[in-house]
Each structure stands twice: as structure tokens, then as C-alpha cells.
Amino acid sequence: MARITIYLNKSVEENAGLCYEKAKKIKKKIEGAKKAMRENIKKLEKIEKEKKIEEQKETKKEIQAEKKWYEKFHWFVSSEGFLVIGGRDATSNEIIIKKHTEKNDLVFHTDLAGSPFFVVKADNKEIGENTKREAADATVSYSKAWKLGMTSTPVFYVNPEQVSKKAKSGEYLKKGAFMIYGRTNYIENKINLAVGIKDGRIMAGPVEAISSNCEKFVEVMPGREKTSQTAKKIQHKIGGGLDEIIRAMPSGCEVKK
């Protein structure tokens, strides 16, 4: 409760004037305090916002730092536990064959021009038939057969030493293209693709491989829907980053119903 001092040696009007001036000063102090509080709240909000931005940057850096080398390519883990990687374009085809293909691996390709190369990493183990079929399905699913609406196309696999950049006399090999020498092993295949999430990473490959390794997954098929639109539907079902989902899919696909 506020106290009011009455001066007996002053008139009522003078006392009233003194009270009024005192009230004005108190009001001014209150307004100053409110202003200071508002400014402090704004400063705190700014600090919190900057802190959140920094935390997001750090999280992004951590996620980027945790990325595996094979995530630059198309990739999946087969139902038998083998890492399978595939080229996204001519440049990544070149990199996969030259830098990431070793003696006991298997190299897959289609007879269609512009096909991606897929490689099964042997890791000193014998590659099983299920993995071979899954690698063949991935190869055809990321080839032009997908856009052309084909259900399959001839796919073969060879040993790494059969893949060479040395062209036949009078021929020229474009970037991402290689000559295949020796016997080719053709294998049955089909358009077969799903997108899933494993330990926070988006993985895309044949249904058999994705269903064996992922907590959640969605089957996709060739279609006319925009890739970004399909990716949003997939993200809604399985989570994960939208950009990563888009990168994992061939263009022109829809969620399989």
C-alpha cells in the first residue's frame, strides 16, 4: 500500500500538487522499468534464436560428418548383407569403377545406352544369388528402362578386370563409359524399387533388400508424378530428409498402391 505524506504547513492545493508530481515520477519509473523489461525480453529472444540457429548448424555439420563415402552414389545393403553401389551419372559411374571397385567385386550393367554401373562389394565373402538378383533389379530400375516403361531389360555382370577404359581400335569411350571384355553373365531382372530409412539414412533399392534392412519403407513404380511430390508422400510415411529422398529416386515415379 502506497503512503501519502501530508504537509501541515502547506495548503490542500500544494499537497495535491506534490502528490501529483510524485505520482508522475513513479509512473515514469514504471514505464522505464517496463521498457527495460521489453528490451531485455527482445535480447533474450534474439539470443535464444541465435543459439537455436547455431545448434541447427552444428546438428547439420554432425549429420554431414557422419555421412558414409557410399552415400554419394545410389546405394543399398542387400538382403544378404552386401553393400551395393551405383552411379548417378557419367561422372559417378567413372568414380565407382576406377576408385571403388576391387578384385572380388561384381560389376553390373544393362545393354541399354547410358545405363548406370552397379557394383556389389564382396568384402572378401562369396556373393550370393539373392544379392546378384537384387543388384540386377537395381541396375535396370535406375536405367532408361524405368523412363521407357519397360518391366525389364537385359542385365549382365562381370568381374572388375573385364571392365576397361581401353577402347577398340577406331572407337572412343565417353566419360562414364567402359569396354567389357570376355564372357558376360546375363541374369533375370525386373523393375523393382523401394525407398526406406535405416538408422536415419535413406536407402533405395529392390524391395527384398529394403524390407530386410529398413524400419519403414515405401514401394515406388514408374509414373508421371513430379519427383518432389512423390518424395513428400514418402517422407510423410517414413520420415527422413526430403533432399535425400529425392536423390534416392529415379525421376518420374509414384508411390505404389
Protein backbone atom coordinates (compact mmCIF):
# COMPACT_ATOMS: atom_id res chain seq x y z
CA MET A 1 0.00 0.00 0.00
CA ALA A 2 1.40 3.42 -1.03
CA ARG A 3 1.92 6.04 1.64
CA ILE A 4 0.84 9.65 1.15
CA THR A 5 2.64 12.32 3.07
CA ILE A 6 0.57 15.38 4.07
CA TYR A 7 2.43 18.55 4.86
CA LEU A 8 0.51 20.52 7.51
CA ASN A 9 2.34 23.72 6.69
CA LYS A 10 1.08 23.57 3.10
CA SER A 11 -2.32 24.13 1.60
CA VAL A 12 -4.53 21.39 0.17
CA GLU A 13 -3.70 22.56 -3.34
CA GLU A 14 0.06 22.47 -2.62
CA ASN A 15 -0.18 18.97 -1.11
CA ALA A 16 -2.20 17.82 -4.12
CA GLY A 17 0.43 19.25 -6.46
CA LEU A 18 3.24 17.45 -4.60
CA CYS A 19 1.31 14.14 -4.75
CA TYR A 20 0.69 14.62 -8.47
CA GLU A 21 4.39 15.26 -9.16
CA LYS A 22 5.35 12.24 -7.08
CA ALA A 23 2.84 10.08 -8.97
CA LYS A 24 4.27 11.30 -12.29
CA LYS A 25 7.77 10.30 -11.21
CA ILE A 26 6.57 6.86 -10.08
CA LYS A 27 4.67 6.37 -13.36
CA LYS A 28 7.76 7.38 -15.32
CA LYS A 29 9.88 4.87 -13.35
CA ILE A 30 7.31 2.14 -14.01
CA GLU A 31 7.26 2.94 -17.74
CA GLY A 32 11.06 2.92 -17.74
CA ALA A 33 11.10 -0.44 -15.99
CA LYS A 34 8.57 -1.87 -18.48
CA LYS A 35 10.62 -0.56 -21.39
CA ALA A 36 13.80 -2.07 -19.95
CA MET A 37 11.96 -5.38 -19.42
CA ARG A 38 10.69 -5.39 -23.02
CA GLU A 39 14.20 -4.68 -24.30
CA ASN A 40 15.62 -7.47 -22.14
CA ILE A 41 12.96 -9.89 -23.41
CA LYS A 42 13.87 -8.97 -27.01
CA LYS A 43 17.55 -9.52 -26.25
CA LEU A 44 16.79 -12.89 -24.67
CA GLU A 45 14.65 -13.91 -27.67
CA LYS A 46 17.45 -12.87 -30.02
CA ILE A 47 19.99 -14.85 -28.01
CA GLU A 48 17.70 -17.92 -27.99
CA LYS A 49 17.13 -17.60 -31.74
CA GLU A 50 20.86 -17.31 -32.44
CA LYS A 51 21.51 -20.26 -30.12
CA LYS A 52 18.91 -22.35 -31.97
CA ILE A 53 20.45 -21.44 -35.34
CA GLU A 54 23.89 -22.43 -34.08
CA GLU A 55 22.54 -25.73 -32.72
CA GLN A 56 20.91 -26.45 -36.08
CA LYS A 57 24.19 -25.67 -37.84
CA GLU A 58 26.07 -27.98 -35.50
CA THR A 59 23.49 -30.73 -36.00
CA LYS A 60 23.76 -30.30 -39.77
CA LYS A 61 27.55 -30.46 -39.54
CA GLU A 62 27.35 -33.61 -37.42
CA ILE A 63 24.97 -35.24 -39.91
CA GLN A 64 27.23 -34.28 -42.82
CA ALA A 65 30.27 -35.51 -40.91
CA GLU A 66 28.57 -38.86 -40.31
CA LYS A 67 27.81 -39.44 -43.98
CA LYS A 68 29.43 -42.55 -45.38
CA TRP A 69 31.51 -42.46 -48.56
CA TYR A 70 28.98 -44.55 -50.48
CA GLU A 71 26.12 -42.11 -49.83
CA LYS A 72 27.38 -40.01 -52.75
CA PHE A 73 26.07 -42.77 -55.01
CA HIS A 74 22.92 -44.85 -55.30
CA TRP A 75 23.33 -47.49 -52.61
CA PHE A 76 21.64 -50.19 -50.58
CA VAL A 77 22.53 -53.18 -48.44
CA SER A 78 21.37 -56.45 -49.95
CA SER A 79 19.18 -58.94 -48.09
CA GLU A 80 22.38 -60.97 -47.58
CA GLY A 81 24.27 -58.02 -46.09
CA PHE A 82 26.39 -56.89 -49.05
CA LEU A 83 26.90 -53.21 -49.86
CA VAL A 84 25.74 -52.37 -53.39
CA ILE A 85 26.60 -49.01 -55.00
CA GLY A 86 25.50 -47.50 -58.30
CA GLY A 87 26.33 -44.50 -60.47
CA ARG A 88 24.06 -41.47 -60.62
CA ASP A 89 25.58 -40.12 -63.84
CA ALA A 90 28.62 -40.43 -66.11
CA THR A 91 30.94 -38.88 -63.52
CA SER A 92 29.89 -41.15 -60.65
CA ASN A 93 30.00 -44.18 -62.99
CA GLU A 94 33.62 -43.29 -63.68
CA ILE A 95 34.44 -42.84 -59.99
CA ILE A 96 32.79 -46.11 -58.94
CA ILE A 97 34.65 -48.22 -61.49
CA LYS A 98 38.02 -46.50 -61.10
CA LYS A 99 38.11 -45.91 -57.35
CA HIS A 100 35.65 -48.19 -55.60
CA THR A 101 35.79 -51.49 -57.47
CA GLU A 102 38.08 -54.22 -56.14
CA LYS A 103 39.21 -57.64 -57.24
CA ASN A 104 36.38 -59.88 -55.94
CA ASP A 105 33.52 -57.43 -56.52
CA LEU A 106 30.92 -57.88 -59.25
CA VAL A 107 30.06 -55.18 -61.80
CA PHE A 108 26.51 -54.94 -63.24
CA HIS A 109 25.32 -53.11 -66.34
CA THR A 110 22.48 -53.23 -68.88
CA ASP A 111 22.62 -53.42 -72.66
CA LEU A 112 20.89 -50.02 -72.82
CA ALA A 113 22.99 -46.97 -73.64
CA GLY A 114 23.52 -44.64 -70.68
CA SER A 115 22.99 -47.36 -68.10
CA PRO A 116 24.40 -46.92 -64.61
CA PHE A 117 27.11 -49.26 -63.37
CA PHE A 118 26.26 -51.06 -60.14
CA VAL A 119 28.90 -52.80 -58.06
CA VAL A 120 28.44 -55.39 -55.34
CA LYS A 121 31.20 -55.03 -52.75
CA ALA A 122 32.38 -58.56 -51.91
CA ASP A 123 34.27 -57.68 -48.72
CA ASN A 124 36.19 -60.98 -49.00
CA LYS A 125 32.96 -63.03 -48.99
CA GLU A 126 31.21 -65.07 -51.67
CA ILE A 127 28.38 -63.06 -53.19
CA GLY A 128 25.07 -64.93 -53.04
CA GLU A 129 22.44 -65.37 -55.75
CA ASN A 130 19.89 -63.20 -53.93
CA THR A 131 22.34 -60.30 -53.88
CA LYS A 132 23.08 -60.76 -57.59
CA ARG A 133 19.37 -60.61 -58.45
CA GLU A 134 18.88 -57.55 -56.25
CA ALA A 135 21.84 -55.80 -57.89
CA ALA A 136 20.40 -56.65 -61.32
CA ASP A 137 16.99 -55.24 -60.32
CA ALA A 138 18.62 -52.04 -59.09
CA THR A 139 20.61 -51.68 -62.30
CA VAL A 140 17.53 -51.93 -64.51
CA SER A 141 15.43 -49.75 -62.18
CA TYR A 142 17.89 -46.86 -62.48
CA SER A 143 18.39 -47.34 -66.22
CA LYS A 144 16.40 -45.84 -69.10
CA ALA A 145 14.09 -48.84 -68.85
CA TRP A 146 12.36 -47.05 -65.96
CA LYS A 147 11.50 -43.97 -68.05
CA LEU A 148 10.56 -46.09 -71.06
CA GLY A 149 8.00 -48.02 -69.00
CA MET A 150 9.74 -51.36 -69.54
CA THR A 151 9.40 -54.10 -66.93
CA SER A 152 12.92 -55.45 -67.55
CA THR A 153 15.87 -55.32 -69.95
CA PRO A 154 18.99 -57.48 -70.40
CA VAL A 155 21.36 -57.06 -67.43
CA PHE A 156 24.75 -58.76 -67.12
CA TYR A 157 27.53 -58.91 -64.55
CA VAL A 158 31.28 -59.32 -64.95
CA ASN A 159 34.43 -59.31 -62.85
CA PRO A 160 36.22 -55.96 -62.37
CA GLU A 161 39.20 -56.98 -64.52
CA GLN A 162 36.84 -57.32 -67.50
CA VAL A 163 35.92 -53.63 -67.32
CA SER A 164 38.36 -51.39 -69.15
CA LYS A 165 38.75 -47.83 -70.33
CA LYS A 166 40.74 -49.12 -73.29
CA ALA A 167 38.57 -48.77 -76.40
CA LYS A 168 38.74 -50.89 -79.52
CA SER A 169 40.72 -49.52 -82.45
CA GLY A 170 38.95 -46.55 -84.02
CA GLU A 171 36.48 -46.19 -81.14
CA TYR A 172 36.21 -43.52 -78.44
CA LEU A 173 34.77 -44.00 -74.98
CA LYS A 174 32.82 -41.12 -73.45
CA LYS A 175 33.05 -40.19 -69.80
CA GLY A 176 31.36 -42.86 -67.70
CA ALA A 177 31.57 -45.46 -70.48
CA PHE A 178 33.76 -48.58 -70.37
CA MET A 179 34.53 -51.55 -72.59
CA ILE A 180 33.57 -55.00 -71.36
CA TYR A 181 35.92 -57.80 -72.40
CA GLY A 182 35.38 -61.54 -72.04
CA ARG A 183 32.33 -63.54 -71.02
CA THR A 184 29.26 -61.71 -69.69
CA ASN A 185 26.81 -63.38 -67.31
CA TYR A 186 23.23 -62.37 -68.06
CA ILE A 187 20.77 -62.52 -65.21
CA GLU A 188 16.99 -62.26 -64.86
CA ASN A 189 15.74 -58.93 -63.59
CA LYS A 190 12.72 -56.71 -63.14
CA ILE A 191 11.81 -53.13 -62.34
CA ASN A 192 11.74 -53.28 -58.56
CA LEU A 193 12.34 -50.35 -56.23
CA ALA A 194 11.53 -49.22 -52.71
CA VAL A 195 12.68 -46.31 -50.55
CA GLY A 196 13.31 -46.89 -46.85
CA ILE A 197 15.06 -45.49 -43.82
CA LYS A 198 17.83 -47.23 -41.85
CA ASP A 199 19.47 -45.59 -38.82
CA GLY A 200 18.32 -42.20 -40.08
CA ARG A 201 19.73 -42.79 -43.57
CA ILE A 202 17.61 -43.01 -46.70
CA MET A 203 18.22 -46.20 -48.65
CA ALA A 204 16.70 -47.14 -52.01
CA GLY A 205 16.86 -50.47 -53.79
CA PRO A 206 14.89 -53.64 -54.52
CA VAL A 207 12.01 -54.39 -52.15
CA GLU A 208 13.67 -57.57 -50.86
CA ALA A 209 16.78 -55.64 -49.77
CA ILE A 210 14.98 -52.61 -48.35
CA SER A 211 12.39 -54.63 -46.41
CA SER A 212 15.21 -56.71 -44.89
CA ASN A 213 17.15 -53.69 -43.67
CA CYS A 214 14.79 -50.77 -43.06
CA GLU A 215 12.43 -49.95 -40.21
CA LYS A 216 10.00 -48.27 -42.65
CA PHE A 217 9.81 -48.34 -46.44
CA VAL A 218 7.59 -47.45 -49.38
CA GLU A 219 7.47 -49.19 -52.76
CA VAL A 220 7.62 -46.96 -55.84
CA MET A 221 6.91 -47.52 -59.53
CA PRO A 222 7.34 -45.57 -62.77
CA GLY A 223 4.85 -42.71 -63.08
CA ARG A 224 4.26 -39.15 -64.22
CA GLU A 225 4.11 -37.50 -60.84
CA LYS A 226 6.78 -34.93 -60.02
CA THR A 227 9.66 -36.40 -58.06
CA SER A 228 9.33 -33.76 -55.34
CA GLN A 229 5.63 -34.54 -54.90
CA THR A 230 6.29 -38.27 -54.59
CA ALA A 231 9.18 -37.56 -52.20
CA LYS A 232 6.88 -35.59 -49.89
CA LYS A 233 4.47 -38.54 -49.74
CA ILE A 234 7.34 -40.88 -48.92
CA GLN A 235 8.68 -38.51 -46.27
CA HIS A 236 5.23 -38.41 -44.66
CA LYS A 237 5.27 -42.21 -44.38
CA ILE A 238 8.88 -42.92 -43.36
CA GLY A 239 10.45 -39.61 -42.29
CA GLY A 240 13.97 -38.63 -43.34
CA GLY A 241 15.27 -35.66 -45.29
CA LEU A 242 13.34 -34.59 -48.37
CA ASP A 243 16.50 -33.88 -50.38
CA GLU A 244 17.89 -37.31 -49.56
CA ILE A 245 14.67 -38.99 -50.66
CA ILE A 246 14.68 -37.07 -53.95
CA ARG A 247 18.31 -38.05 -54.56
CA ALA A 248 17.50 -41.70 -53.95
CA MET A 249 14.74 -41.95 -56.57
CA PRO A 250 14.79 -42.12 -60.36
CA SER A 251 12.87 -39.27 -62.00
CA GLY A 252 9.24 -39.95 -62.84
CA CYS A 253 7.90 -42.22 -60.15
CA GLU A 254 4.89 -42.69 -57.93
CA VAL A 255 4.15 -44.44 -54.67
CA LYS A 256 2.95 -47.98 -55.41
CA LYS A 257 -0.59 -48.56 -54.20
